[in-house]
Amino acid sequence: MRKTIMKKTTVKKVAAVVLAGAMCFGITNTGKAVTAKQNIRSANEEKKEADASSTVNDAANNGAVSEGSEAKDAWKRGKTVTGEAVTDKRAQLHNPVINASTGAVEFSYIYFGSYPQGEVTGEQLTSDIINAEYVSGDAVVNGEKYRRMTKEDMCPEFSTVERFGKSKYRYFKYEPLKWKVIKMEGETAFVLSEYALNRFFYNQGHKWMNGKEKGQGFMGDAFSKEQQEAITFTANKVFGSWVIKRDKINYIEPLEFRNVSFYYNLSVRLVRETDYTHARVGGDSKEGGRCSWWYEGVDDPSGYKCFVDFNGVIADNPVVGWTEWGHFKIYGDSAYCGVVPAFTLTLTDTALWDTQESLKEKEEEAKKPKWGDVNSDGEVDIEDAKLALKAALNLAALEEKAATAADMDEDGRISLKDAQAILKAALNLLELT
């Protein structure tokens, strides 16, 4: 969807446009919100809602769900009514399982938070994305969030034109973060990122994972305040005189990884990096997009750190005696290995996270037009009213999704009545339900 960008103008002109529109449409502020459901929703839509409500109540009366309240409150708790039963998202999660026939490790996944991952190129890189106003490197365009990268945003040793490319900017889309469930325990799940989400020196990576500054820290960029609160703090681990320092988000710690049989499966130790992560160093990608990645080691005064190389070979710190794959190691401030975050997530508020099934449902829902949001930027404002008015006067044509969003009374055409309803909503005189 294209996004209409308002041209620079004076405050007086904006006020005049709003006032003139209000006068033309005969809007008066009565101090009361007029609900769209009462005034412009079609009889067919109300019938659908009545049928849906009846279905839920019938299910409750027939004993499919307890007392009806279970189904009626399901959405708030992250549950969905499917057929005659209520399915809890948590029931879709499980500990890793090794397939007896293939030897492959089968994980369940949680989708939680979002971060720049896939690069936007070709026809997908629209003028709206290019010309958007980026703050701290990010911008929202038509309801989607993007990160703009410059050569200076690369890891310093790799910030060359040869590695970055000749373009001044590269663009990456914020996408849902995919986490493999390593261990379920009560109302919590210990999870590990499916991908390397950035590249840093060891200590820099740890600081980045827990940083809350927009554009600089993973915690602040990837998660809402409520999601951050759902991540639990992990206590330090002590091995004799050695300490593994912990925070909310960490590299996976050796015992967390080793005390499960799937750790010995090579394919699990092979980690791929996202487009955004690879752009931090540029150059040719390893086969399959794999990269070496850090895991948590003891606080070694020598500065040596533990990592897994891009072939899945584990480079251990010999101090703690784990040497079954050899014990070579590297200085933490000498390599930009991949950062693969891990943390313990409290699952109680299921509205904060998704499973693959619930995420698919949300994505399908997002494709549907939202009433009044003609330019699909997530808000109903004067710009939407202007677009609807132009369409009603045959001064502009709207694409299918925009036309559906503008057709407030669902009569198959865009009229002045539709434009009036959108303007009322933009001025908070009408509540869209």
Protein backbone atom coordinates (compact mmCIF):
# COMPACT_ATOMS: atom_id res chain seq x y z
CA MET A 1 0.00 0.00 0.00
CA ARG A 2 1.15 3.46 -0.77
CA LYS A 3 1.29 6.00 1.99
CA THR A 4 0.22 9.58 1.41
CA ILE A 5 2.86 11.96 2.71
CA MET A 6 1.57 15.35 3.81
CA LYS A 7 3.35 18.26 2.17
CA LYS A 8 4.86 20.93 4.37
CA THR A 9 2.34 23.59 5.21
CA THR A 10 1.53 26.10 7.87
CA VAL A 11 -0.47 25.45 11.01
CA LYS A 12 -3.10 27.89 9.80
CA LYS A 13 -3.57 26.01 6.54
CA VAL A 14 -3.93 22.69 8.35
CA ALA A 15 -6.48 24.19 10.71
CA ALA A 16 -8.34 25.66 7.75
CA VAL A 17 -8.49 22.29 6.00
CA VAL A 18 -9.86 20.58 9.10
CA LEU A 19 -12.38 23.35 9.79
CA ALA A 20 -13.53 23.51 6.18
CA GLY A 21 -13.97 19.76 6.09
CA ALA A 22 -15.92 19.82 9.33
CA MET A 23 -18.22 22.55 8.02
CA CYS A 24 -18.80 20.79 4.72
CA PHE A 25 -19.68 17.57 6.47
CA GLY A 26 -21.83 19.34 9.08
CA ILE A 27 -19.88 18.06 12.07
CA THR A 28 -20.62 19.46 15.52
CA ASN A 29 -18.91 18.36 18.67
CA THR A 30 -21.64 17.15 21.02
CA GLY A 31 -19.10 15.86 23.51
CA LYS A 32 -20.31 12.28 22.97
CA ALA A 33 -18.69 9.58 20.86
CA VAL A 34 -20.94 8.12 18.18
CA THR A 35 -20.19 4.46 17.61
CA ALA A 36 -19.81 3.20 14.08
CA LYS A 37 -21.58 0.03 15.09
CA GLN A 38 -24.75 1.99 15.81
CA ASN A 39 -24.67 4.21 12.76
CA ILE A 40 -22.86 2.79 9.76
CA ARG A 41 -22.30 -0.94 10.13
CA SER A 42 -24.42 -3.03 7.81
CA ALA A 43 -27.15 -5.35 8.95
CA ASN A 44 -25.22 -8.30 7.53
CA GLU A 45 -22.19 -7.51 9.70
CA GLU A 46 -24.32 -7.29 12.83
CA LYS A 47 -25.97 -10.59 11.91
CA LYS A 48 -22.51 -12.22 11.63
CA GLU A 49 -21.64 -10.96 15.10
CA ALA A 50 -24.92 -12.21 16.51
CA ASP A 51 -24.36 -15.63 14.95
CA ALA A 52 -20.82 -15.80 16.32
CA SER A 53 -22.00 -14.82 19.80
CA SER A 54 -24.76 -17.42 19.60
CA THR A 55 -22.23 -20.09 18.64
CA VAL A 56 -20.11 -19.33 21.70
CA ASN A 57 -23.13 -19.37 23.99
CA ASP A 58 -24.41 -22.62 22.47
CA ALA A 59 -21.02 -24.22 22.98
CA ALA A 60 -21.11 -23.18 26.63
CA ASN A 61 -24.66 -24.48 27.11
CA ASN A 62 -23.72 -27.82 25.54
CA GLY A 63 -20.75 -28.22 27.85
CA ALA A 64 -18.08 -27.71 25.18
CA VAL A 65 -16.61 -24.96 27.35
CA SER A 66 -17.26 -24.10 30.95
CA GLU A 67 -20.03 -21.60 31.59
CA GLY A 68 -19.40 -19.66 28.40
CA SER A 69 -17.03 -17.26 30.20
CA GLU A 70 -14.07 -19.47 29.21
CA ALA A 71 -14.81 -18.87 25.54
CA LYS A 72 -15.84 -15.25 25.91
CA ASP A 73 -12.62 -14.35 27.74
CA ALA A 74 -10.42 -16.60 25.59
CA TRP A 75 -9.01 -13.85 23.41
CA LYS A 76 -7.73 -11.88 26.40
CA ARG A 77 -5.83 -14.90 27.65
CA GLY A 78 -4.45 -15.84 24.25
CA LYS A 79 -6.82 -18.72 23.67
CA THR A 80 -8.85 -19.35 20.54
CA VAL A 81 -12.17 -21.11 20.12
CA THR A 82 -11.71 -23.86 17.55
CA GLY A 83 -14.76 -26.00 16.85
CA GLU A 84 -16.09 -27.20 20.16
CA ALA A 85 -13.03 -26.68 22.31
CA VAL A 86 -10.83 -23.91 23.65
CA THR A 87 -7.15 -24.39 22.77
CA ASP A 88 -4.43 -22.89 24.99
CA LYS A 89 -1.35 -21.69 23.10
CA ARG A 90 0.81 -23.14 25.84
CA ALA A 91 -0.43 -26.62 24.94
CA GLN A 92 1.35 -26.25 21.59
CA LEU A 93 4.75 -25.96 23.31
CA HIS A 94 6.96 -28.87 24.31
CA ASN A 95 10.53 -29.78 25.17
CA PRO A 96 12.80 -30.80 22.26
CA VAL A 97 12.12 -34.27 20.90
CA ILE A 98 14.51 -36.46 18.90
CA ASN A 99 12.82 -38.22 16.01
CA ALA A 100 13.61 -41.92 16.45
CA SER A 101 13.56 -42.57 12.71
CA THR A 102 15.60 -39.64 11.40
CA GLY A 103 17.56 -38.56 14.46
CA ALA A 104 16.44 -34.98 13.80
CA VAL A 105 15.66 -32.72 16.74
CA GLU A 106 12.10 -31.39 16.67
CA PHE A 107 11.52 -28.09 18.48
CA SER A 108 8.43 -26.11 19.31
CA TYR A 109 8.74 -22.38 18.69
CA ILE A 110 7.66 -19.14 20.29
CA TYR A 111 7.39 -15.86 18.37
CA PHE A 112 8.15 -13.00 20.70
CA GLY A 113 9.20 -9.42 19.87
CA SER A 114 10.50 -8.19 16.51
CA TYR A 115 13.81 -6.98 15.11
CA PRO A 116 15.34 -6.04 11.72
CA GLN A 117 16.01 -9.26 9.82
CA GLY A 118 15.21 -9.53 6.11
CA GLU A 119 16.67 -6.98 3.66
CA VAL A 120 14.21 -5.02 1.52
CA THR A 121 15.31 -4.80 -2.11
CA GLY A 122 13.97 -4.62 -5.66
CA GLU A 123 10.27 -3.87 -6.11
CA GLN A 124 9.69 -4.26 -2.37
CA LEU A 125 11.83 -1.18 -1.71
CA THR A 126 9.23 1.50 -2.42
CA SER A 127 9.67 5.25 -2.48
CA ASP A 128 7.61 5.43 0.72
CA ILE A 129 10.23 3.35 2.55
CA ILE A 130 13.13 5.30 1.06
CA ASN A 131 11.65 8.74 1.76
CA ALA A 132 10.25 8.02 5.23
CA GLU A 133 11.48 9.97 8.25
CA TYR A 134 13.89 7.74 10.15
CA VAL A 135 14.40 8.36 13.87
CA SER A 136 17.26 6.49 15.56
CA GLY A 137 17.51 4.50 12.35
CA ASP A 138 13.87 3.34 12.32
CA ALA A 139 10.66 4.37 10.58
CA VAL A 140 7.10 3.04 10.30
CA VAL A 141 5.67 2.89 6.78
CA ASN A 142 2.12 1.69 6.11
CA GLY A 143 2.02 -0.04 9.46
CA GLU A 144 5.36 -1.85 8.98
CA LYS A 145 8.61 -0.96 10.77
CA TYR A 146 11.96 -0.64 8.98
CA ARG A 147 15.61 -0.11 9.90
CA ARG A 148 17.87 1.99 7.63
CA MET A 149 21.56 1.08 7.71
CA THR A 150 24.55 3.12 6.57
CA LYS A 151 28.13 1.99 6.03
CA GLU A 152 28.97 3.56 9.40
CA ASP A 153 26.56 1.13 11.10
CA MET A 154 28.73 -1.84 10.16
CA CYS A 155 31.30 -3.36 12.49
CA PRO A 156 34.19 -0.85 12.26
CA GLU A 157 36.78 -3.15 10.73
CA PHE A 158 34.40 -4.09 7.91
CA SER A 159 32.86 -0.70 7.03
CA THR A 160 34.10 -0.43 3.45
CA VAL A 161 32.29 0.27 0.20
CA GLU A 162 33.40 -3.12 -1.10
CA ARG A 163 31.60 -4.88 1.74
CA PHE A 164 28.62 -2.57 2.19
CA GLY A 165 27.85 -1.80 -1.43
CA LYS A 166 27.68 1.46 -3.36
CA SER A 167 24.25 2.55 -2.10
CA LYS A 168 24.17 5.14 0.68
CA TYR A 169 21.55 3.16 2.60
CA ARG A 170 20.33 -0.40 2.96
CA TYR A 171 16.89 -1.20 4.38
CA PHE A 172 15.73 -4.05 6.63
CA LYS A 173 12.26 -5.00 7.81
CA TYR A 174 11.34 -5.64 11.43
CA GLU A 175 10.02 -9.20 11.56
CA PRO A 176 8.74 -11.45 14.39
CA LEU A 177 11.57 -13.08 16.32
CA LYS A 178 11.57 -16.87 16.30
CA TRP A 179 12.73 -18.66 19.46
CA LYS A 180 13.26 -22.41 19.87
CA VAL A 181 12.03 -23.79 23.18
CA ILE A 182 14.96 -25.43 24.98
CA LYS A 183 13.17 -26.27 28.21
CA MET A 184 9.63 -25.93 29.52
CA GLU A 185 9.24 -25.58 33.28
CA GLY A 186 5.87 -24.69 34.78
CA GLU A 187 4.78 -21.28 33.55
CA THR A 188 8.17 -20.49 32.00
CA ALA A 189 10.12 -21.46 28.90
CA PHE A 190 13.85 -21.17 28.38
CA VAL A 191 14.30 -20.11 24.76
CA LEU A 192 17.17 -19.62 22.30
CA SER A 193 17.03 -17.49 19.15
CA GLU A 194 16.72 -19.43 15.91
CA TYR A 195 19.15 -16.99 14.27
CA ALA A 196 22.18 -14.88 15.05
CA LEU A 197 20.60 -11.43 15.35
CA ASN A 198 23.74 -9.27 15.33
CA ARG A 199 27.55 -9.42 15.40
CA PHE A 200 29.70 -7.98 18.18
CA PHE A 201 32.77 -8.55 20.24
CA TYR A 202 31.84 -10.76 23.21
CA ASN A 203 31.35 -8.06 25.88
CA GLN A 204 29.76 -5.64 23.42
CA GLY A 205 27.22 -8.30 22.49
CA HIS A 206 26.24 -8.88 26.09
CA LYS A 207 25.74 -5.15 26.61
CA TRP A 208 23.76 -4.87 23.36
CA MET A 209 21.39 -7.70 24.30
CA ASN A 210 20.30 -5.92 27.49
CA GLY A 211 20.42 -2.35 26.18
CA LYS A 212 17.19 -0.37 26.26
CA GLU A 213 18.26 2.66 24.22
CA LYS A 214 16.34 2.87 20.95
CA GLY A 215 18.51 2.14 17.95
CA GLN A 216 21.33 0.91 20.18
CA GLY A 217 20.04 -1.90 22.39
CA PHE A 218 18.28 -5.15 21.56
CA MET A 219 16.00 -5.11 24.62
CA GLY A 220 14.64 -1.65 23.79
CA ASP A 221 14.31 -2.22 20.04
CA ALA A 222 12.84 -5.71 20.06
CA PHE A 223 10.38 -5.74 22.97
CA SER A 224 7.60 -3.62 24.41
CA LYS A 225 7.72 -2.63 28.06
CA GLU A 226 5.29 -5.42 28.93
CA GLN A 227 7.37 -7.96 27.02
CA GLN A 228 10.54 -6.83 28.78
CA GLU A 229 8.85 -7.43 32.12
CA ALA A 230 7.99 -11.00 31.05
CA ILE A 231 11.70 -11.83 30.68
CA THR A 232 13.10 -13.05 34.00
CA PHE A 233 16.51 -12.16 35.41
CA THR A 234 19.02 -15.03 35.58
CA ALA A 235 21.35 -15.37 38.57
CA ASN A 236 25.13 -15.63 38.16
CA LYS A 237 26.60 -19.13 37.93
CA VAL A 238 29.64 -19.98 40.07
CA PHE A 239 32.18 -22.71 39.32
CA GLY A 240 34.67 -22.69 42.17
CA SER A 241 36.55 -19.41 41.82
CA TRP A 242 35.09 -18.80 38.36
CA VAL A 243 31.90 -16.86 37.71
CA ILE A 244 29.53 -16.76 34.74
CA LYS A 245 27.88 -13.36 34.95
CA ARG A 246 24.21 -13.30 33.94
CA ASP A 247 21.54 -10.73 33.11
CA LYS A 248 18.01 -10.82 31.69
CA ILE A 249 19.19 -11.76 28.19
CA ASN A 250 22.36 -13.80 27.86
CA TYR A 251 24.42 -16.01 25.64
CA ILE A 252 23.40 -19.60 26.24
CA GLU A 253 25.40 -21.02 29.13
CA PRO A 254 27.28 -24.32 28.62
CA LEU A 255 25.32 -26.41 31.10
CA GLU A 256 22.02 -25.12 29.76
CA PHE A 257 23.12 -26.38 26.37
CA ARG A 258 25.02 -29.52 27.30
CA ASN A 259 22.62 -31.18 29.71
CA VAL A 260 20.25 -32.12 26.90
CA SER A 261 20.92 -34.86 24.38
CA PHE A 262 20.10 -32.73 21.32
CA TYR A 263 23.22 -30.66 22.06
CA TYR A 264 25.23 -33.42 20.46
CA ASN A 265 23.31 -33.13 17.19
CA LEU A 266 25.51 -31.16 14.77
CA SER A 267 22.57 -29.56 12.92
CA VAL A 268 21.42 -27.90 16.15
CA ARG A 269 24.78 -26.22 16.62
CA LEU A 270 24.77 -24.78 13.10
CA VAL A 271 23.35 -21.26 13.32
CA ARG A 272 22.34 -19.05 10.42
CA GLU A 273 22.50 -15.28 10.48
CA THR A 274 19.83 -12.87 9.27
CA ASP A 275 20.34 -10.48 6.36
CA TYR A 276 20.74 -7.67 8.86
CA THR A 277 23.35 -9.57 10.87
CA HIS A 278 25.40 -10.39 7.79
CA ALA A 279 25.21 -6.77 6.61
CA ARG A 280 27.07 -5.79 9.78
CA VAL A 281 30.18 -7.41 8.33
CA GLY A 282 29.28 -7.65 4.64
CA GLY A 283 31.27 -9.63 2.11
CA ASP A 284 30.49 -13.17 1.00
CA SER A 285 28.23 -15.26 3.21
CA LYS A 286 29.25 -18.69 4.45
CA GLU A 287 27.50 -21.68 2.91
CA GLY A 288 23.87 -21.69 3.99
CA GLY A 289 24.25 -18.28 5.66
CA ARG A 290 25.93 -19.85 8.69
CA CYS A 291 28.11 -17.93 11.13
CA SER A 292 30.20 -18.55 14.23
CA TRP A 293 28.47 -17.55 17.46
CA TRP A 294 29.29 -16.82 21.08
CA TYR A 295 28.14 -18.84 24.02
CA GLU A 296 28.53 -17.94 27.69
CA GLY A 297 31.86 -18.76 29.26
CA VAL A 298 33.43 -18.14 32.64
CA ASP A 299 34.75 -14.67 33.44
CA ASP A 300 38.27 -15.54 32.29
CA PRO A 301 40.79 -12.79 33.25
CA SER A 302 42.83 -13.70 30.16
CA GLY A 303 40.02 -12.43 27.95
CA TYR A 304 39.53 -15.74 26.15
CA LYS A 305 35.90 -16.60 25.31
CA CYS A 306 33.94 -19.63 24.10
CA PHE A 307 32.23 -19.88 20.74
CA VAL A 308 30.81 -22.29 18.16
CA ASP A 309 32.31 -21.92 14.68
CA PHE A 310 30.30 -21.85 11.47
CA ASN A 311 30.82 -25.61 11.03
CA GLY A 312 29.24 -26.31 14.43
CA VAL A 313 32.56 -27.08 16.13
CA ILE A 314 32.60 -25.94 19.74
CA ALA A 315 35.61 -23.91 20.87
CA ASP A 316 35.71 -24.46 24.62
CA ASN A 317 37.46 -22.76 27.47
CA PRO A 318 39.74 -25.48 28.87
CA VAL A 319 39.66 -23.96 32.36
CA VAL A 320 36.39 -25.75 33.12
CA GLY A 321 37.53 -28.98 31.50
CA TRP A 322 35.08 -29.27 28.62
CA THR A 323 37.33 -30.45 25.83
CA GLU A 324 35.54 -33.22 23.95
CA TRP A 325 35.59 -31.12 20.77
CA GLY A 326 39.00 -29.62 21.37
CA HIS A 327 39.80 -26.57 23.43
CA PHE A 328 40.86 -23.80 21.11
CA LYS A 329 39.45 -20.38 21.94
CA ILE A 330 39.68 -16.73 20.92
CA TYR A 331 39.90 -13.36 22.59
CA GLY A 332 36.49 -11.85 23.18
CA ASP A 333 37.65 -8.54 21.72
CA SER A 334 39.15 -9.98 18.56
CA ALA A 335 36.19 -11.45 16.64
CA TYR A 336 32.73 -10.30 15.59
CA CYS A 337 30.91 -13.57 16.25
CA GLY A 338 27.15 -13.88 15.97
CA VAL A 339 24.97 -12.98 18.93
CA VAL A 340 22.31 -15.63 19.62
CA PRO A 341 20.26 -14.40 22.61
CA ALA A 342 18.75 -16.72 25.21
CA PHE A 343 16.46 -16.04 28.17
CA THR A 344 13.68 -17.40 30.36
CA LEU A 345 10.21 -16.18 29.37
CA THR A 346 7.21 -16.12 31.69
CA LEU A 347 4.27 -17.50 29.69
CA THR A 348 1.43 -16.33 31.93
CA ASP A 349 0.32 -13.42 29.71
CA THR A 350 -0.19 -15.26 26.43
CA ALA A 351 -1.13 -12.06 24.64
CA LEU A 352 2.59 -11.13 24.64
CA TRP A 353 3.78 -14.07 22.52
CA ASP A 354 2.65 -16.33 19.72
CA THR A 355 3.00 -19.85 18.45
CA GLN A 356 3.37 -20.56 14.75
CA GLU A 357 -0.37 -21.17 14.53
CA SER A 358 -1.47 -18.02 16.35
CA LEU A 359 1.07 -15.89 14.43
CA LYS A 360 -0.36 -17.13 11.14
CA GLU A 361 -3.84 -16.14 12.31
CA LYS A 362 -2.61 -12.64 13.21
CA GLU A 363 -0.85 -12.23 9.86
CA GLU A 364 -4.03 -13.21 8.01
CA GLU A 365 -6.01 -10.76 10.11
CA ALA A 366 -3.48 -7.99 9.39
CA LYS A 367 -4.02 -8.43 5.66
CA LYS A 368 -7.65 -7.46 6.07
CA PRO A 369 -8.43 -3.76 5.68
CA LYS A 370 -9.14 -1.82 8.87
CA TRP A 371 -12.10 0.51 8.84
CA GLY A 372 -11.15 4.08 8.02
CA ASP A 373 -7.41 3.38 7.75
CA VAL A 374 -7.30 4.07 4.01
CA ASN A 375 -3.52 4.45 3.75
CA SER A 376 -2.82 1.46 6.06
CA ASP A 377 -0.52 3.37 8.41
CA GLY A 378 -2.22 2.02 11.53
CA GLU A 379 -4.13 5.22 12.32
CA VAL A 380 -7.35 6.89 11.20
CA ASP A 381 -6.56 10.55 10.59
CA ILE A 382 -7.14 13.53 8.29
CA GLU A 383 -5.02 11.94 5.57
CA ASP A 384 -7.44 9.01 5.40
CA ALA A 385 -10.41 11.37 5.20
CA LYS A 386 -8.75 13.30 2.35
CA LEU A 387 -8.12 10.11 0.39
CA ALA A 388 -11.72 8.98 0.86
CA LEU A 389 -13.02 12.41 -0.18
CA LYS A 390 -10.94 12.37 -3.37
CA ALA A 391 -12.26 8.92 -4.20
CA ALA A 392 -15.85 9.99 -3.50
CA LEU A 393 -15.41 12.94 -5.91
CA ASN A 394 -13.74 10.69 -8.52
CA LEU A 395 -10.51 12.66 -8.22
CA ALA A 396 -8.44 9.60 -7.33
CA ALA A 397 -8.70 5.82 -7.56
CA LEU A 398 -7.99 3.58 -4.58
CA GLU A 399 -6.48 0.12 -4.59
CA GLU A 400 -8.69 -2.74 -3.42
CA LYS A 401 -7.58 -2.82 0.22
CA ALA A 402 -7.79 0.98 0.55
CA ALA A 403 -11.22 1.06 -1.13
CA THR A 404 -12.53 -1.58 1.30
CA ALA A 405 -11.21 0.43 4.27
CA ALA A 406 -12.87 3.59 2.94
CA ASP A 407 -16.27 1.95 2.31
CA MET A 408 -17.53 2.54 5.83
CA ASP A 409 -21.17 1.57 5.23
CA GLU A 410 -20.24 -1.41 3.08
CA ASP A 411 -22.50 -0.51 0.21
CA GLY A 412 -19.87 -1.26 -2.43
CA ARG A 413 -19.00 2.35 -3.25
CA ILE A 414 -17.14 5.28 -1.67
CA SER A 415 -19.42 8.23 -1.00
CA LEU A 416 -19.33 11.55 0.83
CA LYS A 417 -21.02 9.73 3.69
CA ASP A 418 -17.98 7.44 4.01
CA ALA A 419 -15.58 10.39 3.92
CA GLN A 420 -17.66 12.13 6.57
CA ALA A 421 -17.52 9.10 8.87
CA ILE A 422 -13.72 8.85 8.51
CA LEU A 423 -13.29 12.56 9.27
CA LYS A 424 -15.45 12.21 12.36
CA ALA A 425 -13.30 9.32 13.51
CA ALA A 426 -10.15 11.36 12.85
CA LEU A 427 -11.52 14.15 15.03
CA ASN A 428 -12.48 11.69 17.79
CA LEU A 429 -16.18 12.39 17.27
CA LEU A 430 -16.90 8.83 16.25
CA GLU A 431 -15.63 5.58 17.70
CA LEU A 432 -14.85 2.80 15.27
CA THR A 433 -15.76 -0.59 16.72
